[in-house]
């Protein structure tokens, strides 16, 4: 699973053989936040029990900042 982006302690990753809809997995420490890329804005899909509300908020902010790039990377892997 390639790391697409690193920011604020997060590794943002895309699984090459993952399912629709377009989304990324954001890892920071033991927390994992899955974020849908959405049509116009990203949204949190799910978060691990270890993910604090601040992890979810920070992951969403990062994904929204880089949403266009992340969608481009998603399409590179998934068509």
PDB file of N, CA and C in Angstrom:
ATOM      1  N   UNK A   1       0.855  -1.162   0.000  1.00  0.00           N
ATOM      2  CA  UNK A   1       0.000   0.000   0.000  1.00  0.00           C
ATOM      3  C   UNK A   1       0.907   1.232   0.000  1.00  0.00           C
ATOM      4  N   UNK A   2       0.851   2.011  -1.058  1.00  0.00           N
ATOM      5  CA  UNK A   2       1.742   3.173  -1.140  1.00  0.00           C
ATOM      6  C   UNK A   2       1.276   4.351  -0.290  1.00  0.00           C
ATOM      7  N   UNK A   3       2.260   5.014   0.305  1.00  0.00           N
ATOM      8  CA  UNK A   3       1.999   6.262   1.009  1.00  0.00           C
ATOM      9  C   UNK A   3       1.962   7.369  -0.023  1.00  0.00           C
ATOM     10  N   UNK A   4       0.875   8.087  -0.092  1.00  0.00           N
ATOM     11  CA  UNK A   4       0.677   9.156  -1.067  1.00  0.00           C
ATOM     12  C   UNK A   4       1.111  10.504  -0.486  1.00  0.00           C
ATOM     13  N   UNK A   5       0.951  10.650   0.824  1.00  0.00           N
ATOM     14  CA  UNK A   5       1.184  11.952   1.451  1.00  0.00           C
ATOM     15  C   UNK A   5       1.572  11.737   2.905  1.00  0.00           C
ATOM     16  N   UNK A   6       2.466  12.572   3.400  1.00  0.00           N
ATOM     17  CA  UNK A   6       2.804  12.632   4.826  1.00  0.00           C
ATOM     18  C   UNK A   6       2.640  14.077   5.276  1.00  0.00           C
ATOM     19  N   UNK A   7       1.857  14.234   6.345  1.00  0.00           N
ATOM     20  CA  UNK A   7       1.649  15.588   6.875  1.00  0.00           C
ATOM     21  C   UNK A   7       1.163  15.495   8.313  1.00  0.00           C
ATOM     22  N   UNK A   8       1.699  16.349   9.164  1.00  0.00           N
ATOM     23  CA  UNK A   8       1.263  16.462  10.562  1.00  0.00           C
ATOM     24  C   UNK A   8       1.217  15.109  11.274  1.00  0.00           C
ATOM     25  N   UNK A   9       2.190  14.269  10.998  1.00  0.00           N
ATOM     26  CA  UNK A   9       2.260  12.958  11.636  1.00  0.00           C
ATOM     27  C   UNK A   9       1.404  11.892  10.993  1.00  0.00           C
ATOM     28  N   UNK A  10       0.659  12.228   9.953  1.00  0.00           N
ATOM     29  CA  UNK A  10      -0.172  11.257   9.238  1.00  0.00           C
ATOM     30  C   UNK A  10       0.557  10.680   8.029  1.00  0.00           C
ATOM     31  N   UNK A  11       0.289   9.417   7.768  1.00  0.00           N
ATOM     32  CA  UNK A  11       0.621   8.791   6.490  1.00  0.00           C
ATOM     33  C   UNK A  11      -0.721   8.558   5.797  1.00  0.00           C
ATOM     34  N   UNK A  12      -0.908   9.149   4.638  1.00  0.00           N
ATOM     35  CA  UNK A  12      -2.148   8.991   3.880  1.00  0.00           C
ATOM     36  C   UNK A  12      -1.862   7.967   2.788  1.00  0.00           C
ATOM     37  N   UNK A  13      -2.652   6.877   2.797  1.00  0.00           N
ATOM     38  CA  UNK A  13      -2.368   5.751   1.920  1.00  0.00           C
ATOM     39  C   UNK A  13      -3.594   5.343   1.111  1.00  0.00           C
ATOM     40  N   UNK A  14      -3.319   4.710  -0.033  1.00  0.00           N
ATOM     41  CA  UNK A  14      -4.363   4.144  -0.898  1.00  0.00           C
ATOM     42  C   UNK A  14      -4.016   2.681  -1.129  1.00  0.00           C
ATOM     43  N   UNK A  15      -4.969   1.805  -0.876  1.00  0.00           N
ATOM     44  CA  UNK A  15      -4.783   0.384  -1.185  1.00  0.00           C
ATOM     45  C   UNK A  15      -4.990   0.193  -2.686  1.00  0.00           C
ATOM     46  N   UNK A  16      -4.036  -0.413  -3.401  1.00  0.00           N
ATOM     47  CA  UNK A  16      -4.175  -0.579  -4.852  1.00  0.00           C
ATOM     48  C   UNK A  16      -5.395  -1.410  -5.272  1.00  0.00           C
ATOM     49  N   UNK A  17      -5.791  -2.399  -4.478  1.00  0.00           N
ATOM     50  CA  UNK A  17      -6.912  -3.273  -4.849  1.00  0.00           C
ATOM     51  C   UNK A  17      -8.142  -3.006  -3.994  1.00  0.00           C
ATOM     52  N   UNK A  18      -8.375  -1.748  -3.648  1.00  0.00           N
ATOM     53  CA  UNK A  18      -9.469  -1.390  -2.756  1.00  0.00           C
ATOM     54  C   UNK A  18     -10.768  -1.200  -3.532  1.00  0.00           C
ATOM     55  N   UNK A  19     -11.829  -0.952  -2.823  1.00  0.00           N
ATOM     56  CA  UNK A  19     -13.189  -0.848  -3.364  1.00  0.00           C
ATOM     57  C   UNK A  19     -13.595   0.610  -3.525  1.00  0.00           C
ATOM     58  N   UNK A  20     -14.621   0.837  -4.305  1.00  0.00           N
ATOM     59  CA  UNK A  20     -15.270   2.153  -4.423  1.00  0.00           C
ATOM     60  C   UNK A  20     -16.105   2.375  -3.165  1.00  0.00           C
ATOM     61  N   UNK A  21     -16.448   3.586  -2.839  1.00  0.00           N
ATOM     62  CA  UNK A  21     -16.093   4.836  -3.479  1.00  0.00           C
ATOM     63  C   UNK A  21     -14.651   5.221  -3.156  1.00  0.00           C
ATOM     64  N   UNK A  22     -14.147   6.213  -3.878  1.00  0.00           N
ATOM     65  CA  UNK A  22     -12.775   6.673  -3.694  1.00  0.00           C
ATOM     66  C   UNK A  22     -12.557   7.124  -2.250  1.00  0.00           C
ATOM     67  N   UNK A  23     -11.493   6.616  -1.627  1.00  0.00           N
ATOM     68  CA  UNK A  23     -11.198   6.961  -0.243  1.00  0.00           C
ATOM     69  C   UNK A  23      -9.724   6.732   0.045  1.00  0.00           C
ATOM     70  N   UNK A  24      -9.277   7.249   1.169  1.00  0.00           N
ATOM     71  CA  UNK A  24      -7.904   7.066   1.627  1.00  0.00           C
ATOM     72  C   UNK A  24      -7.925   6.617   3.086  1.00  0.00           C
ATOM     73  N   UNK A  25      -6.808   6.040   3.496  1.00  0.00           N
ATOM     74  CA  UNK A  25      -6.625   5.593   4.868  1.00  0.00           C
ATOM     75  C   UNK A  25      -5.545   6.467   5.483  1.00  0.00           C
ATOM     76  N   UNK A  26      -5.869   7.116   6.606  1.00  0.00           N
ATOM     77  CA  UNK A  26      -4.950   8.046   7.264  1.00  0.00           C
ATOM     78  C   UNK A  26      -4.492   7.430   8.578  1.00  0.00           C
ATOM     79  N   UNK A  27      -3.187   7.211   8.697  1.00  0.00           N
ATOM     80  CA  UNK A  27      -2.595   6.579   9.868  1.00  0.00           C
ATOM     81  C   UNK A  27      -1.769   7.595  10.646  1.00  0.00           C
ATOM     82  N   UNK A  28      -1.996   7.638  11.966  1.00  0.00           N
ATOM     83  CA  UNK A  28      -1.151   8.437  12.857  1.00  0.00           C
ATOM     84  C   UNK A  28      -1.080   7.665  14.171  1.00  0.00           C
ATOM     85  N   UNK A  29       0.114   7.206  14.507  1.00  0.00           N
ATOM     86  CA  UNK A  29       0.262   6.366  15.694  1.00  0.00           C
ATOM     87  C   UNK A  29      -0.583   5.111  15.529  1.00  0.00           C
ATOM     88  N   UNK A  30      -1.400   4.826  16.535  1.00  0.00           N
ATOM     89  CA  UNK A  30      -2.278   3.650  16.483  1.00  0.00           C
ATOM     90  C   UNK A  30      -3.633   3.948  15.868  1.00  0.00           C
ATOM     91  N   UNK A  31      -3.884   5.197  15.529  1.00  0.00           N
ATOM     92  CA  UNK A  31      -5.200   5.553  14.996  1.00  0.00           C
ATOM     93  C   UNK A  31      -5.236   5.441  13.474  1.00  0.00           C
ATOM     94  N   UNK A  32      -6.405   5.044  12.981  1.00  0.00           N
ATOM     95  CA  UNK A  32      -6.657   4.954  11.546  1.00  0.00           C
ATOM     96  C   UNK A  32      -7.979   5.649  11.269  1.00  0.00           C
ATOM     97  N   UNK A  33      -7.964   6.563  10.315  1.00  0.00           N
ATOM     98  CA  UNK A  33      -9.179   7.265   9.907  1.00  0.00           C
ATOM     99  C   UNK A  33      -9.349   7.040   8.411  1.00  0.00           C
ATOM    100  N   UNK A  34     -10.482   6.487   8.022  1.00  0.00           N
ATOM    101  CA  UNK A  34     -10.789   6.286   6.610  1.00  0.00           C
ATOM    102  C   UNK A  34     -11.645   7.459   6.148  1.00  0.00           C
ATOM    103  N   UNK A  35     -11.191   8.117   5.062  1.00  0.00           N
ATOM    104  CA  UNK A  35     -11.861   9.323   4.585  1.00  0.00           C
ATOM    105  C   UNK A  35     -12.296   9.136   3.142  1.00  0.00           C
ATOM    106  N   UNK A  36     -13.599   9.291   2.893  1.00  0.00           N
ATOM    107  CA  UNK A  36     -14.110   9.287   1.525  1.00  0.00           C
ATOM    108  C   UNK A  36     -13.709  10.594   0.860  1.00  0.00           C
ATOM    109  N   UNK A  37     -13.311  10.526  -0.401  1.00  0.00           N
ATOM    110  CA  UNK A  37     -12.889  11.731  -1.109  1.00  0.00           C
ATOM    111  C   UNK A  37     -14.072  12.550  -1.602  1.00  0.00           C
ATOM    112  N   UNK A  38     -15.194  11.938  -1.850  1.00  0.00           N
ATOM    113  CA  UNK A  38     -16.431  12.645  -2.193  1.00  0.00           C
ATOM    114  C   UNK A  38     -16.408  13.370  -3.525  1.00  0.00           C
ATOM    115  N   UNK A  39     -17.573  13.832  -3.941  1.00  0.00           N
ATOM    116  CA  UNK A  39     -17.720  14.566  -5.201  1.00  0.00           C
ATOM    117  C   UNK A  39     -17.202  15.995  -5.088  1.00  0.00           C
ATOM    118  N   UNK A  40     -17.471  16.636  -3.951  1.00  0.00           N
ATOM    119  CA  UNK A  40     -17.052  18.032  -3.779  1.00  0.00           C
ATOM    120  C   UNK A  40     -16.252  18.259  -2.502  1.00  0.00           C
ATOM    121  N   UNK A  41     -16.396  17.370  -1.537  1.00  0.00           N
ATOM    122  CA  UNK A  41     -15.709  17.530  -0.264  1.00  0.00           C
ATOM    123  C   UNK A  41     -15.534  16.159   0.384  1.00  0.00           C
ATOM    124  N   UNK A  42     -14.442  15.986   1.091  1.00  0.00           N
ATOM    125  CA  UNK A  42     -14.180  14.730   1.785  1.00  0.00           C
ATOM    126  C   UNK A  42     -15.026  14.619   3.051  1.00  0.00           C
ATOM    127  N   UNK A  43     -15.200  13.370   3.515  1.00  0.00           N
ATOM    128  CA  UNK A  43     -15.917  13.135   4.766  1.00  0.00           C
ATOM    129  C   UNK A  43     -15.347  11.885   5.430  1.00  0.00           C
ATOM    130  N   UNK A  44     -15.384  11.857   6.762  1.00  0.00           N
ATOM    131  CA  UNK A  44     -14.885  10.702   7.498  1.00  0.00           C
ATOM    132  C   UNK A  44     -15.857   9.547   7.319  1.00  0.00           C
ATOM    133  N   UNK A  45     -15.326   8.424   6.892  1.00  0.00           N
ATOM    134  CA  UNK A  45     -16.132   7.210   6.701  1.00  0.00           C
ATOM    135  C   UNK A  45     -16.176   6.400   7.987  1.00  0.00           C
ATOM    136  N   UNK A  46     -14.976   6.175   8.564  1.00  0.00           N
ATOM    137  CA  UNK A  46     -14.894   5.453   9.826  1.00  0.00           C
ATOM    138  C   UNK A  46     -13.560   5.746  10.484  1.00  0.00           C
ATOM    139  N   UNK A  47     -13.481   5.437  11.764  1.00  0.00           N
ATOM    140  CA  UNK A  47     -12.257   5.658  12.517  1.00  0.00           C
ATOM    141  C   UNK A  47     -12.074   4.513  13.504  1.00  0.00           C
ATOM    142  N   UNK A  48     -10.823   4.154  13.717  1.00  0.00           N
ATOM    143  CA  UNK A  48     -10.527   3.096  14.681  1.00  0.00           C
ATOM    144  C   UNK A  48     -10.851   3.586  16.093  1.00  0.00           C
ATOM    145  N   UNK A  49     -10.958   2.641  17.010  1.00  0.00           N
ATOM    146  CA  UNK A  49     -11.258   2.992  18.398  1.00  0.00           C
ATOM    147  C   UNK A  49     -10.175   3.887  18.990  1.00  0.00           C
ATOM    148  N   UNK A  50      -8.959   3.767  18.472  1.00  0.00           N
ATOM    149  CA  UNK A  50      -7.841   4.572  18.979  1.00  0.00           C
ATOM    150  C   UNK A  50      -7.862   6.007  18.455  1.00  0.00           C
ATOM    151  N   UNK A  51      -8.631   6.267  17.418  1.00  0.00           N
ATOM    152  CA  UNK A  51      -8.657   7.595  16.797  1.00  0.00           C
ATOM    153  C   UNK A  51      -9.455   8.566  17.665  1.00  0.00           C
ATOM    154  N   UNK A  52      -8.772   9.598  18.104  1.00  0.00           N
ATOM    155  CA  UNK A  52      -9.423  10.643  18.895  1.00  0.00           C
ATOM    156  C   UNK A  52     -10.179  11.583  17.951  1.00  0.00           C
ATOM    157  N   UNK A  53     -11.107  12.356  18.480  1.00  0.00           N
ATOM    158  CA  UNK A  53     -11.783  13.343  17.632  1.00  0.00           C
ATOM    159  C   UNK A  53     -10.806  14.277  16.921  1.00  0.00           C
ATOM    160  N   UNK A  54      -9.703  14.620  17.591  1.00  0.00           N
ATOM    161  CA  UNK A  54      -8.707  15.482  16.927  1.00  0.00           C
ATOM    162  C   UNK A  54      -8.040  14.771  15.757  1.00  0.00           C
ATOM    163  N   UNK A  55      -7.842  13.447  15.852  1.00  0.00           N
ATOM    164  CA  UNK A  55      -7.283  12.685  14.731  1.00  0.00           C
ATOM    165  C   UNK A  55      -8.235  12.745  13.539  1.00  0.00           C
ATOM    166  N   UNK A  56      -9.516  12.581  13.810  1.00  0.00           N
ATOM    167  CA  UNK A  56     -10.505  12.620  12.729  1.00  0.00           C
ATOM    168  C   UNK A  56     -10.555  14.005  12.086  1.00  0.00           C
ATOM    169  N   UNK A  57     -10.574  15.031  12.910  1.00  0.00           N
ATOM    170  CA  UNK A  57     -10.622  16.404  12.400  1.00  0.00           C
ATOM    171  C   UNK A  57      -9.366  16.727  11.587  1.00  0.00           C
ATOM    172  N   UNK A  58      -8.199  16.355  12.103  1.00  0.00           N
ATOM    173  CA  UNK A  58      -6.944  16.637  11.404  1.00  0.00           C
ATOM    174  C   UNK A  58      -6.845  15.861  10.092  1.00  0.00           C
ATOM    175  N   UNK A  59      -7.246  14.593  10.103  1.00  0.00           N
ATOM    176  CA  UNK A  59      -7.213  13.792   8.878  1.00  0.00           C
ATOM    177  C   UNK A  59      -8.125  14.403   7.820  1.00  0.00           C
ATOM    178  N   UNK A  60      -9.311  14.810   8.221  1.00  0.00           N
ATOM    179  CA  UNK A  60     -10.263  15.407   7.287  1.00  0.00           C
ATOM    180  C   UNK A  60      -9.720  16.715   6.714  1.00  0.00           C
ATOM    181  N   UNK A  61      -9.108  17.532   7.546  1.00  0.00           N
ATOM    182  CA  UNK A  61      -8.516  18.786   7.086  1.00  0.00           C
ATOM    183  C   UNK A  61      -7.416  18.525   6.054  1.00  0.00           C
ATOM    184  N   UNK A  62      -6.549  17.581   6.340  1.00  0.00           N
ATOM    185  CA  UNK A  62      -5.450  17.257   5.427  1.00  0.00           C
ATOM    186  C   UNK A  62      -5.988  16.733   4.103  1.00  0.00           C
ATOM    187  N   UNK A  63      -6.943  15.817   4.168  1.00  0.00           N
ATOM    188  CA  UNK A  63      -7.504  15.243   2.938  1.00  0.00           C
ATOM    189  C   UNK A  63      -8.206  16.325   2.124  1.00  0.00           C
ATOM    190  N   UNK A  64      -8.951  17.208   2.754  1.00  0.00           N
ATOM    191  CA  UNK A  64      -9.608  18.278   2.007  1.00  0.00           C
ATOM    192  C   UNK A  64      -8.591  19.228   1.374  1.00  0.00           C
ATOM    193  N   UNK A  65      -7.474  19.473   2.048  1.00  0.00           N
ATOM    194  CA  UNK A  65      -6.425  20.327   1.485  1.00  0.00           C
ATOM    195  C   UNK A  65      -5.813  19.735   0.216  1.00  0.00           C
ATOM    196  N   UNK A  66      -5.741  18.403   0.172  1.00  0.00           N
ATOM    197  CA  UNK A  66      -5.052  17.713  -0.925  1.00  0.00           C
ATOM    198  C   UNK A  66      -5.995  16.838  -1.749  1.00  0.00           C
ATOM    199  N   UNK A  67      -7.289  17.105  -1.641  1.00  0.00           N
ATOM    200  CA  UNK A  67      -8.307  16.246  -2.249  1.00  0.00           C
ATOM    201  C   UNK A  67      -8.092  16.028  -3.746  1.00  0.00           C
ATOM    202  N   UNK A  68      -7.794  17.068  -4.485  1.00  0.00           N
ATOM    203  CA  UNK A  68      -7.606  16.937  -5.932  1.00  0.00           C
ATOM    204  C   UNK A  68      -6.461  15.985  -6.243  1.00  0.00           C
ATOM    205  N   UNK A  69      -5.358  16.168  -5.561  1.00  0.00           N
ATOM    206  CA  UNK A  69      -4.203  15.278  -5.763  1.00  0.00           C
ATOM    207  C   UNK A  69      -4.536  13.834  -5.378  1.00  0.00           C
ATOM    208  N   UNK A  70      -5.231  13.656  -4.263  1.00  0.00           N
ATOM    209  CA  UNK A  70      -5.572  12.314  -3.811  1.00  0.00           C
ATOM    210  C   UNK A  70      -6.535  11.620  -4.768  1.00  0.00           C
ATOM    211  N   UNK A  71      -7.485  12.356  -5.312  1.00  0.00           N
ATOM    212  CA  UNK A  71      -8.388  11.780  -6.320  1.00  0.00           C
ATOM    213  C   UNK A  71      -7.615  11.351  -7.562  1.00  0.00           C
ATOM    214  N   UNK A  72      -6.652  12.155  -7.965  1.00  0.00           N
ATOM    215  CA  UNK A  72      -5.819  11.816  -9.118  1.00  0.00           C
ATOM    216  C   UNK A  72      -5.047  10.522  -8.847  1.00  0.00           C
ATOM    217  N   UNK A  73      -4.511  10.388  -7.656  1.00  0.00           N
ATOM    218  CA  UNK A  73      -3.791   9.161  -7.286  1.00  0.00           C
ATOM    219  C   UNK A  73      -4.743   7.969  -7.224  1.00  0.00           C
ATOM    220  N   UNK A  74      -5.928   8.176  -6.674  1.00  0.00           N
ATOM    221  CA  UNK A  74      -6.936   7.092  -6.622  1.00  0.00           C
ATOM    222  C   UNK A  74      -7.221   6.576  -8.025  1.00  0.00           C
ATOM    223  N   UNK A  75      -7.445   7.500  -8.959  1.00  0.00           N
ATOM    224  CA  UNK A  75      -7.768   7.112 -10.338  1.00  0.00           C
ATOM    225  C   UNK A  75      -6.596   6.411 -11.011  1.00  0.00           C
ATOM    226  N   UNK A  76      -5.386   6.768 -10.629  1.00  0.00           N
ATOM    227  CA  UNK A  76      -4.195   6.103 -11.185  1.00  0.00           C
ATOM    228  C   UNK A  76      -4.206   4.614 -10.835  1.00  0.00           C
ATOM    229  N   UNK A  77      -4.656   4.278  -9.626  1.00  0.00           N
ATOM    230  CA  UNK A  77      -4.696   2.894  -9.184  1.00  0.00           C
ATOM    231  C   UNK A  77      -5.982   2.165  -9.577  1.00  0.00           C
ATOM    232  N   UNK A  78      -7.091   2.897  -9.667  1.00  0.00           N
ATOM    233  CA  UNK A  78      -8.397   2.247  -9.821  1.00  0.00           C
ATOM    234  C   UNK A  78      -9.131   2.611 -11.110  1.00  0.00           C
ATOM    235  N   UNK A  79      -8.541   3.437 -11.935  1.00  0.00           N
ATOM    236  CA  UNK A  79      -9.162   3.780 -13.211  1.00  0.00           C
ATOM    237  C   UNK A  79     -10.216   4.842 -13.160  1.00  0.00           C
TER     238      UNK A  79
END
